[in-house]
Amino acid sequence: PRPQLATAWSVSADGKRISFTLRQGVKWHDGQPFTAQDVA
């Protein structure tokens, strides 16, 4: 996979947690920031 909105990711040893580091400075069409809460 090639990241677009994430800059990095990691998977826990047991495979039950995937952590994504999101790109900073990304804005929605209305100018609001793209955040982890949007992902959730």
ModelCIF file with pLDDT and N, C-alpha, C, O atoms, coordinates in Angstrom:
data_MODEL
#
_entry.id   MODEL 
#
_entity.id                         1 
_entity.type                       polymer 
_entity.pdbx_number_of_molecules   1 
#
_entity_poly.entity_id                      1 
_entity_poly.type                           'polypeptide(L)' 
_entity_poly.nstd_linkage                   no 
_entity_poly.nstd_monomer                   no 
_entity_poly.pdbx_seq_one_letter_code       PRPQLATAWSVSADGKRISFTLRQGVKWHDGQPFTAQDVA 
_entity_poly.pdbx_seq_one_letter_code_can   PRPQLATAWSVSADGKRISFTLRQGVKWHDGQPFTAQDVA 
_entity_poly.pdbx_strand_id                 A 
#
loop_
_entity_poly_seq.entity_id 
_entity_poly_seq.num 
_entity_poly_seq.mon_id 
_entity_poly_seq.hetero 
1 1  PRO n 
1 2  ARG n 
1 3  PRO n 
1 4  GLN n 
1 5  LEU n 
1 6  ALA n 
1 7  THR n 
1 8  ALA n 
1 9  TRP n 
1 10 SER n 
1 11 VAL n 
1 12 SER n 
1 13 ALA n 
1 14 ASP n 
1 15 GLY n 
1 16 LYS n 
1 17 ARG n 
1 18 ILE n 
1 19 SER n 
1 20 PHE n 
1 21 THR n 
1 22 LEU n 
1 23 ARG n 
1 24 GLN n 
1 25 GLY n 
1 26 VAL n 
1 27 LYS n 
1 28 TRP n 
1 29 HIS n 
1 30 ASP n 
1 31 GLY n 
1 32 GLN n 
1 33 PRO n 
1 34 PHE n 
1 35 THR n 
1 36 ALA n 
1 37 GLN n 
1 38 ASP n 
1 39 VAL n 
1 40 ALA n 
#
_struct_asym.id          A 
_struct_asym.entity_id   1 
#
loop_
_ma_qa_metric.id 
_ma_qa_metric.mode 
_ma_qa_metric.name 
_ma_qa_metric.software_group_id 
_ma_qa_metric.type 
1 global pLDDT . pLDDT 
2 local  pLDDT . pLDDT 
#
_ma_qa_metric_global.metric_id      1 
_ma_qa_metric_global.metric_value   94.92 
_ma_qa_metric_global.model_id       1 
_ma_qa_metric_global.ordinal_id     1 
#
loop_
_ma_qa_metric_local.label_asym_id 
_ma_qa_metric_local.label_comp_id 
_ma_qa_metric_local.label_seq_id 
_ma_qa_metric_local.metric_id 
_ma_qa_metric_local.metric_value 
_ma_qa_metric_local.model_id 
_ma_qa_metric_local.ordinal_id 
A PRO 1  2 71.00 1 1  
A ARG 2  2 78.00 1 2  
A PRO 3  2 80.00 1 3  
A GLN 4  2 90.00 1 4  
A LEU 5  2 95.00 1 5  
A ALA 6  2 95.00 1 6  
A THR 7  2 95.00 1 7  
A ALA 8  2 94.00 1 8  
A TRP 9  2 94.00 1 9  
A SER 10 2 95.00 1 10 
A VAL 11 2 96.00 1 11 
A SER 12 2 97.00 1 12 
A ALA 13 2 97.00 1 13 
A ASP 14 2 97.00 1 14 
A GLY 15 2 96.00 1 15 
A LYS 16 2 98.00 1 16 
A ARG 17 2 98.00 1 17 
A ILE 18 2 97.00 1 18 
A SER 19 2 97.00 1 19 
A PHE 20 2 96.00 1 20 
A THR 21 2 97.00 1 21 
A LEU 22 2 98.00 1 22 
A ARG 23 2 96.00 1 23 
A GLN 24 2 96.00 1 24 
A GLY 25 2 96.00 1 25 
A VAL 26 2 96.00 1 26 
A LYS 27 2 97.00 1 27 
A TRP 28 2 96.00 1 28 
A HIS 29 2 97.00 1 29 
A ASP 30 2 97.00 1 30 
A GLY 31 2 97.00 1 31 
A GLN 32 2 97.00 1 32 
A PRO 33 2 97.00 1 33 
A PHE 34 2 97.00 1 34 
A THR 35 2 98.00 1 35 
A ALA 36 2 98.00 1 36 
A GLN 37 2 98.00 1 37 
A ASP 38 2 98.00 1 38 
A VAL 39 2 97.00 1 39 
A ALA 40 2 98.00 1 40 
#
loop_
_atom_site.group_PDB 
_atom_site.id 
_atom_site.type_symbol 
_atom_site.label_atom_id 
_atom_site.label_alt_id 
_atom_site.label_comp_id 
_atom_site.label_asym_id 
_atom_site.label_entity_id 
_atom_site.label_seq_id 
_atom_site.pdbx_PDB_ins_code 
_atom_site.Cartn_x 
_atom_site.Cartn_y 
_atom_site.Cartn_z 
_atom_site.occupancy 
_atom_site.B_iso_or_equiv 
_atom_site.pdbx_formal_charge 
_atom_site.auth_seq_id 
_atom_site.auth_comp_id 
_atom_site.auth_asym_id 
_atom_site.auth_atom_id 
_atom_site.pdbx_PDB_model_num 
ATOM 1   N N  . PRO A 1 1  ? 0.814   -1.202  0.000  1.00 71.00 ? 1  PRO A N  1 
ATOM 2   C CA . PRO A 1 1  ? 0.000   0.000   0.000  1.00 71.00 ? 1  PRO A CA 1 
ATOM 3   C C  . PRO A 1 1  ? 0.860   1.270   0.000  1.00 71.00 ? 1  PRO A C  1 
ATOM 4   O O  . PRO A 1 1  ? 1.957   1.293   0.558  1.00 71.00 ? 1  PRO A O  1 
ATOM 5   N N  . ARG A 1 2  ? 0.344   2.314   -0.631 1.00 78.00 ? 2  ARG A N  1 
ATOM 6   C CA . ARG A 1 2  ? 1.023   3.608   -0.641 1.00 78.00 ? 2  ARG A CA 1 
ATOM 7   C C  . ARG A 1 2  ? 0.177   4.598   0.133  1.00 78.00 ? 2  ARG A C  1 
ATOM 8   O O  . ARG A 1 2  ? -1.007  4.760   -0.163 1.00 78.00 ? 2  ARG A O  1 
ATOM 9   N N  . PRO A 1 3  ? 0.755   5.259   1.111  1.00 80.00 ? 3  PRO A N  1 
ATOM 10  C CA . PRO A 1 3  ? -0.030  6.180   1.943  1.00 80.00 ? 3  PRO A CA 1 
ATOM 11  C C  . PRO A 1 3  ? -0.451  7.430   1.191  1.00 80.00 ? 3  PRO A C  1 
ATOM 12  O O  . PRO A 1 3  ? 0.271   7.924   0.324  1.00 80.00 ? 3  PRO A O  1 
ATOM 13  N N  . GLN A 1 4  ? -1.630  7.934   1.535  1.00 90.00 ? 4  GLN A N  1 
ATOM 14  C CA . GLN A 1 4  ? -2.099  9.215   1.022  1.00 90.00 ? 4  GLN A CA 1 
ATOM 15  C C  . GLN A 1 4  ? -2.425  10.142  2.193  1.00 90.00 ? 4  GLN A C  1 
ATOM 16  O O  . GLN A 1 4  ? -1.870  11.236  2.290  1.00 90.00 ? 4  GLN A O  1 
ATOM 17  N N  . LEU A 1 5  ? -3.312  9.714   3.071  1.00 95.00 ? 5  LEU A N  1 
ATOM 18  C CA . LEU A 1 5  ? -3.649  10.528  4.235  1.00 95.00 ? 5  LEU A CA 1 
ATOM 19  C C  . LEU A 1 5  ? -2.887  10.102  5.477  1.00 95.00 ? 5  LEU A C  1 
ATOM 20  O O  . LEU A 1 5  ? -2.951  10.777  6.504  1.00 95.00 ? 5  LEU A O  1 
ATOM 21  N N  . ALA A 1 6  ? -2.179  9.009   5.399  1.00 95.00 ? 6  ALA A N  1 
ATOM 22  C CA . ALA A 1 6  ? -1.329  8.570   6.504  1.00 95.00 ? 6  ALA A CA 1 
ATOM 23  C C  . ALA A 1 6  ? 0.130   8.708   6.070  1.00 95.00 ? 6  ALA A C  1 
ATOM 24  O O  . ALA A 1 6  ? 0.461   8.512   4.901  1.00 95.00 ? 6  ALA A O  1 
ATOM 25  N N  . THR A 1 7  ? 0.986   9.044   7.015  1.00 95.00 ? 7  THR A N  1 
ATOM 26  C CA . THR A 1 7  ? 2.414   9.115   6.712  1.00 95.00 ? 7  THR A CA 1 
ATOM 27  C C  . THR A 1 7  ? 3.134   7.856   7.155  1.00 95.00 ? 7  THR A C  1 
ATOM 28  O O  . THR A 1 7  ? 4.236   7.566   6.691  1.00 95.00 ? 7  THR A O  1 
ATOM 29  N N  . ALA A 1 8  ? 2.504   7.104   8.060  1.00 94.00 ? 8  ALA A N  1 
ATOM 30  C CA . ALA A 1 8  ? 3.104   5.858   8.555  1.00 94.00 ? 8  ALA A CA 1 
ATOM 31  C C  . ALA A 1 8  ? 2.021   5.036   9.242  1.00 94.00 ? 8  ALA A C  1 
ATOM 32  O O  . ALA A 1 8  ? 0.972   5.553   9.626  1.00 94.00 ? 8  ALA A O  1 
ATOM 33  N N  . TRP A 1 9  ? 2.301   3.746   9.388  1.00 94.00 ? 9  TRP A N  1 
ATOM 34  C CA . TRP A 1 9  ? 1.417   2.875   10.152 1.00 94.00 ? 9  TRP A CA 1 
ATOM 35  C C  . TRP A 1 9  ? 2.230   1.735   10.719 1.00 94.00 ? 9  TRP A C  1 
ATOM 36  O O  . TRP A 1 9  ? 3.307   1.410   10.219 1.00 94.00 ? 9  TRP A O  1 
ATOM 37  N N  . SER A 1 10 ? 1.696   1.128   11.777 1.00 95.00 ? 10 SER A N  1 
ATOM 38  C CA . SER A 1 10 ? 2.352   -0.032  12.377 1.00 95.00 ? 10 SER A CA 1 
ATOM 39  C C  . SER A 1 10 ? 1.266   -0.972  12.883 1.00 95.00 ? 10 SER A C  1 
ATOM 40  O O  . SER A 1 10 ? 0.156   -0.559  13.215 1.00 95.00 ? 10 SER A O  1 
ATOM 41  N N  . VAL A 1 11 ? 1.623   -2.238  12.930 1.00 96.00 ? 11 VAL A N  1 
ATOM 42  C CA . VAL A 1 11 ? 0.710   -3.273  13.395 1.00 96.00 ? 11 VAL A CA 1 
ATOM 43  C C  . VAL A 1 11 ? 1.319   -3.906  14.636 1.00 96.00 ? 11 VAL A C  1 
ATOM 44  O O  . VAL A 1 11 ? 2.507   -4.227  14.653 1.00 96.00 ? 11 VAL A O  1 
ATOM 45  N N  . SER A 1 12 ? 0.509   -4.086  15.676 1.00 97.00 ? 12 SER A N  1 
ATOM 46  C CA . SER A 1 12 ? 1.000   -4.708  16.902 1.00 97.00 ? 12 SER A CA 1 
ATOM 47  C C  . SER A 1 12 ? 1.417   -6.155  16.635 1.00 97.00 ? 12 SER A C  1 
ATOM 48  O O  . SER A 1 12 ? 1.022   -6.745  15.629 1.00 97.00 ? 12 SER A O  1 
ATOM 49  N N  . ALA A 1 13 ? 2.202   -6.709  17.521 1.00 97.00 ? 13 ALA A N  1 
ATOM 50  C CA . ALA A 1 13 ? 2.713   -8.075  17.364 1.00 97.00 ? 13 ALA A CA 1 
ATOM 51  C C  . ALA A 1 13 ? 1.582   -9.096  17.241 1.00 97.00 ? 13 ALA A C  1 
ATOM 52  O O  . ALA A 1 13 ? 1.711   -10.078 16.510 1.00 97.00 ? 13 ALA A O  1 
ATOM 53  N N  . ASP A 1 14 ? 0.468   -8.869  17.958 1.00 97.00 ? 14 ASP A N  1 
ATOM 54  C CA . ASP A 1 14 ? -0.643  -9.824  17.883 1.00 97.00 ? 14 ASP A CA 1 
ATOM 55  C C  . ASP A 1 14 ? -1.606  -9.523  16.727 1.00 97.00 ? 14 ASP A C  1 
ATOM 56  O O  . ASP A 1 14 ? -2.565  -10.263 16.513 1.00 97.00 ? 14 ASP A O  1 
ATOM 57  N N  . GLY A 1 15 ? -1.352  -8.436  15.982 1.00 96.00 ? 15 GLY A N  1 
ATOM 58  C CA . GLY A 1 15 ? -2.165  -8.099  14.827 1.00 96.00 ? 15 GLY A CA 1 
ATOM 59  C C  . GLY A 1 15 ? -3.514  -7.477  15.156 1.00 96.00 ? 15 GLY A C  1 
ATOM 60  O O  . GLY A 1 15 ? -4.352  -7.318  14.268 1.00 96.00 ? 15 GLY A O  1 
ATOM 61  N N  . LYS A 1 16 ? -3.736  -7.122  16.425 1.00 98.00 ? 16 LYS A N  1 
ATOM 62  C CA . LYS A 1 16 ? -5.043  -6.618  16.832 1.00 98.00 ? 16 LYS A CA 1 
ATOM 63  C C  . LYS A 1 16 ? -5.108  -5.098  16.999 1.00 98.00 ? 16 LYS A C  1 
ATOM 64  O O  . LYS A 1 16 ? -6.132  -4.563  17.425 1.00 98.00 ? 16 LYS A O  1 
ATOM 65  N N  . ARG A 1 17 ? -4.035  -4.414  16.670 1.00 98.00 ? 17 ARG A N  1 
ATOM 66  C CA . ARG A 1 17 ? -4.030  -2.952  16.720 1.00 98.00 ? 17 ARG A CA 1 
ATOM 67  C C  . ARG A 1 17 ? -3.234  -2.429  15.527 1.00 98.00 ? 17 ARG A C  1 
ATOM 68  O O  . ARG A 1 17 ? -2.085  -2.812  15.310 1.00 98.00 ? 17 ARG A O  1 
ATOM 69  N N  . ILE A 1 18 ? -3.863  -1.560  14.770 1.00 97.00 ? 18 ILE A N  1 
ATOM 70  C CA . ILE A 1 18 ? -3.175  -0.915  13.652 1.00 97.00 ? 18 ILE A CA 1 
ATOM 71  C C  . ILE A 1 18 ? -3.167  0.581   13.945 1.00 97.00 ? 18 ILE A C  1 
ATOM 72  O O  . ILE A 1 18 ? -4.221  1.212   14.037 1.00 97.00 ? 18 ILE A O  1 
ATOM 73  N N  . SER A 1 19 ? -1.974  1.140   14.089 1.00 97.00 ? 19 SER A N  1 
ATOM 74  C CA . SER A 1 19 ? -1.823  2.557   14.410 1.00 97.00 ? 19 SER A CA 1 
ATOM 75  C C  . SER A 1 19 ? -1.421  3.322   13.153 1.00 97.00 ? 19 SER A C  1 
ATOM 76  O O  . SER A 1 19 ? -0.480  2.946   12.454 1.00 97.00 ? 19 SER A O  1 
ATOM 77  N N  . PHE A 1 20 ? -2.147  4.395   12.881 1.00 96.00 ? 20 PHE A N  1 
ATOM 78  C CA . PHE A 1 20 ? -1.865  5.247   11.728 1.00 96.00 ? 20 PHE A CA 1 
ATOM 79  C C  . PHE A 1 20 ? -1.436  6.628   12.200 1.00 96.00 ? 20 PHE A C  1 
ATOM 80  O O  . PHE A 1 20 ? -2.083  7.225   13.061 1.00 96.00 ? 20 PHE A O  1 
ATOM 81  N N  . THR A 1 21 ? -0.351  7.133   11.638 1.00 97.00 ? 21 THR A N  1 
ATOM 82  C CA . THR A 1 21 ? 0.046   8.522   11.833 1.00 97.00 ? 21 THR A CA 1 
ATOM 83  C C  . THR A 1 21 ? -0.475  9.288   10.628 1.00 97.00 ? 21 THR A C  1 
ATOM 84  O O  . THR A 1 21 ? -0.137  8.974   9.487  1.00 97.00 ? 21 THR A O  1 
ATOM 85  N N  . LEU A 1 22 ? -1.297  10.291  10.887 1.00 98.00 ? 22 LEU A N  1 
ATOM 86  C CA . LEU A 1 22 ? -1.968  11.010  9.810  1.00 98.00 ? 22 LEU A CA 1 
ATOM 87  C C  . LEU A 1 22 ? -1.162  12.215  9.342  1.00 98.00 ? 22 LEU A C  1 
ATOM 88  O O  . LEU A 1 22 ? -0.465  12.865  10.120 1.00 98.00 ? 22 LEU A O  1 
ATOM 89  N N  . ARG A 1 23 ? -1.279  12.485  8.069  1.00 96.00 ? 23 ARG A N  1 
ATOM 90  C CA . ARG A 1 23 ? -0.616  13.637  7.463  1.00 96.00 ? 23 ARG A CA 1 
ATOM 91  C C  . ARG A 1 23 ? -1.158  14.925  8.087  1.00 96.00 ? 23 ARG A C  1 
ATOM 92  O O  . ARG A 1 23 ? -2.370  15.082  8.233  1.00 96.00 ? 23 ARG A O  1 
ATOM 93  N N  . GLN A 1 24 ? -0.283  15.824  8.447  1.00 96.00 ? 24 GLN A N  1 
ATOM 94  C CA . GLN A 1 24 ? -0.696  17.103  9.017  1.00 96.00 ? 24 GLN A CA 1 
ATOM 95  C C  . GLN A 1 24 ? -0.898  18.139  7.914  1.00 96.00 ? 24 GLN A C  1 
ATOM 96  O O  . GLN A 1 24 ? -0.288  18.053  6.848  1.00 96.00 ? 24 GLN A O  1 
ATOM 97  N N  . GLY A 1 25 ? -1.746  19.100  8.178  1.00 96.00 ? 25 GLY A N  1 
ATOM 98  C CA . GLY A 1 25 ? -1.991  20.170  7.220  1.00 96.00 ? 25 GLY A CA 1 
ATOM 99  C C  . GLY A 1 25 ? -3.046  19.867  6.177  1.00 96.00 ? 25 GLY A C  1 
ATOM 100 O O  . GLY A 1 25 ? -3.283  20.690  5.292  1.00 96.00 ? 25 GLY A O  1 
ATOM 101 N N  . VAL A 1 26 ? -3.690  18.708  6.254  1.00 96.00 ? 26 VAL A N  1 
ATOM 102 C CA . VAL A 1 26 ? -4.736  18.346  5.297  1.00 96.00 ? 26 VAL A CA 1 
ATOM 103 C C  . VAL A 1 26 ? -6.030  19.043  5.715  1.00 96.00 ? 26 VAL A C  1 
ATOM 104 O O  . VAL A 1 26 ? -6.376  19.077  6.896  1.00 96.00 ? 26 VAL A O  1 
ATOM 105 N N  . LYS A 1 27 ? -6.735  19.595  4.738  1.00 97.00 ? 27 LYS A N  1 
ATOM 106 C CA . LYS A 1 27 ? -8.000  20.293  4.998  1.00 97.00 ? 27 LYS A CA 1 
ATOM 107 C C  . LYS A 1 27 ? -9.117  19.667  4.176  1.00 97.00 ? 27 LYS A C  1 
ATOM 108 O O  . LYS A 1 27 ? -8.887  19.163  3.076  1.00 97.00 ? 27 LYS A O  1 
ATOM 109 N N  . TRP A 1 28 ? -10.324 19.702  4.718  1.00 96.00 ? 28 TRP A N  1 
ATOM 110 C CA . TRP A 1 28 ? -11.516 19.314  3.990  1.00 96.00 ? 28 TRP A CA 1 
ATOM 111 C C  . TRP A 1 28 ? -11.869 20.426  3.010  1.00 96.00 ? 28 TRP A C  1 
ATOM 112 O O  . TRP A 1 28 ? -11.283 21.507  3.064  1.00 96.00 ? 28 TRP A O  1 
ATOM 113 N N  . HIS A 1 29 ? -12.812 20.174  2.123  1.00 97.00 ? 29 HIS A N  1 
ATOM 114 C CA . HIS A 1 29 ? -13.222 21.161  1.125  1.00 97.00 ? 29 HIS A CA 1 
ATOM 115 C C  . HIS A 1 29 ? -13.718 22.463  1.753  1.00 97.00 ? 29 HIS A C  1 
ATOM 116 O O  . HIS A 1 29 ? -13.679 23.515  1.115  1.00 97.00 ? 29 HIS A O  1 
ATOM 117 N N  . ASP A 1 30 ? -14.188 22.394  3.010  1.00 97.00 ? 30 ASP A N  1 
ATOM 118 C CA . ASP A 1 30 ? -14.695 23.599  3.674  1.00 97.00 ? 30 ASP A CA 1 
ATOM 119 C C  . ASP A 1 30 ? -13.626 24.305  4.516  1.00 97.00 ? 30 ASP A C  1 
ATOM 120 O O  . ASP A 1 30 ? -13.922 25.255  5.241  1.00 97.00 ? 30 ASP A O  1 
ATOM 121 N N  . GLY A 1 31 ? -12.379 23.826  4.408  1.00 97.00 ? 31 GLY A N  1 
ATOM 122 C CA . GLY A 1 31 ? -11.281 24.458  5.129  1.00 97.00 ? 31 GLY A CA 1 
ATOM 123 C C  . GLY A 1 31 ? -11.024 23.906  6.517  1.00 97.00 ? 31 GLY A C  1 
ATOM 124 O O  . GLY A 1 31 ? -10.057 24.305  7.165  1.00 97.00 ? 31 GLY A O  1 
ATOM 125 N N  . GLN A 1 32 ? -11.871 22.990  6.994  1.00 97.00 ? 32 GLN A N  1 
ATOM 126 C CA . GLN A 1 32 ? -11.673 22.401  8.314  1.00 97.00 ? 32 GLN A CA 1 
ATOM 127 C C  . GLN A 1 32 ? -10.551 21.374  8.259  1.00 97.00 ? 32 GLN A C  1 
ATOM 128 O O  . GLN A 1 32 ? -10.368 20.715  7.236  1.00 97.00 ? 32 GLN A O  1 
ATOM 129 N N  . PRO A 1 33 ? -9.793  21.228  9.352  1.00 97.00 ? 33 PRO A N  1 
ATOM 130 C CA . PRO A 1 33 ? -8.691  20.265  9.347  1.00 97.00 ? 33 PRO A CA 1 
ATOM 131 C C  . PRO A 1 33 ? -9.181  18.813  9.348  1.00 97.00 ? 33 PRO A C  1 
ATOM 132 O O  . PRO A 1 33 ? -10.210 18.492  9.944  1.00 97.00 ? 33 PRO A O  1 
ATOM 133 N N  . PHE A 1 34 ? -8.438  17.960  8.684  1.00 97.00 ? 34 PHE A N  1 
ATOM 134 C CA . PHE A 1 34 ? -8.672  16.509  8.694  1.00 97.00 ? 34 PHE A CA 1 
ATOM 135 C C  . PHE A 1 34 ? -7.988  15.958  9.944  1.00 97.00 ? 34 PHE A C  1 
ATOM 136 O O  . PHE A 1 34 ? -6.795  16.184  10.146 1.00 97.00 ? 34 PHE A O  1 
ATOM 137 N N  . THR A 1 35 ? -8.738  15.234  10.788 1.00 98.00 ? 35 THR A N  1 
ATOM 138 C CA . THR A 1 35 ? -8.188  14.743  12.056 1.00 98.00 ? 35 THR A CA 1 
ATOM 139 C C  . THR A 1 35 ? -8.484  13.258  12.256 1.00 98.00 ? 35 THR A C  1 
ATOM 140 O O  . THR A 1 35 ? -9.229  12.644  11.492 1.00 98.00 ? 35 THR A O  1 
ATOM 141 N N  . ALA A 1 36 ? -7.889  12.710  13.290 1.00 98.00 ? 36 ALA A N  1 
ATOM 142 C CA . ALA A 1 36 ? -8.127  11.318  13.658 1.00 98.00 ? 36 ALA A CA 1 
ATOM 143 C C  . ALA A 1 36 ? -9.597  11.087  14.002 1.00 98.00 ? 36 ALA A C  1 
ATOM 144 O O  . ALA A 1 36 ? -10.118 9.996   13.772 1.00 98.00 ? 36 ALA A O  1 
ATOM 145 N N  . GLN A 1 37 ? -10.268 12.095  14.548 1.00 98.00 ? 37 GLN A N  1 
ATOM 146 C CA . GLN A 1 37 ? -11.686 11.956  14.871 1.00 98.00 ? 37 GLN A CA 1 
ATOM 147 C C  . GLN A 1 37 ? -12.503 11.746  13.601 1.00 98.00 ? 37 GLN A C  1 
ATOM 148 O O  . GLN A 1 37 ? -13.517 11.048  13.628 1.00 98.00 ? 37 GLN A O  1 
ATOM 149 N N  . ASP A 1 38 ? -12.075 12.340  12.490 1.00 98.00 ? 38 ASP A N  1 
ATOM 150 C CA . ASP A 1 38 ? -12.750 12.112  11.208 1.00 98.00 ? 38 ASP A CA 1 
ATOM 151 C C  . ASP A 1 38 ? -12.586 10.668  10.756 1.00 98.00 ? 38 ASP A C  1 
ATOM 152 O O  . ASP A 1 38 ? -13.517 10.065  10.221 1.00 98.00 ? 38 ASP A O  1 
ATOM 153 N N  . VAL A 1 39 ? -11.399 10.119  10.973 1.00 97.00 ? 39 VAL A N  1 
ATOM 154 C CA . VAL A 1 39 ? -11.141 8.719   10.623 1.00 97.00 ? 39 VAL A CA 1 
ATOM 155 C C  . VAL A 1 39 ? -12.047 7.808   11.443 1.00 97.00 ? 39 VAL A C  1 
ATOM 156 O O  . VAL A 1 39 ? -12.692 6.912   10.899 1.00 97.00 ? 39 VAL A O  1 
ATOM 157 N N  . ALA A 1 40 ? -12.094 8.041   12.755 1.00 98.00 ? 40 ALA A N  1 
ATOM 158 C CA . ALA A 1 40 ? -12.916 7.210   13.639 1.00 98.00 ? 40 ALA A CA 1 
ATOM 159 C C  . ALA A 1 40 ? -14.384 7.282   13.223 1.00 98.00 ? 40 ALA A C  1 
ATOM 160 O O  . ALA A 1 40 ? -15.234 6.648   13.848 1.00 98.00 ? 40 ALA A O  1 
#
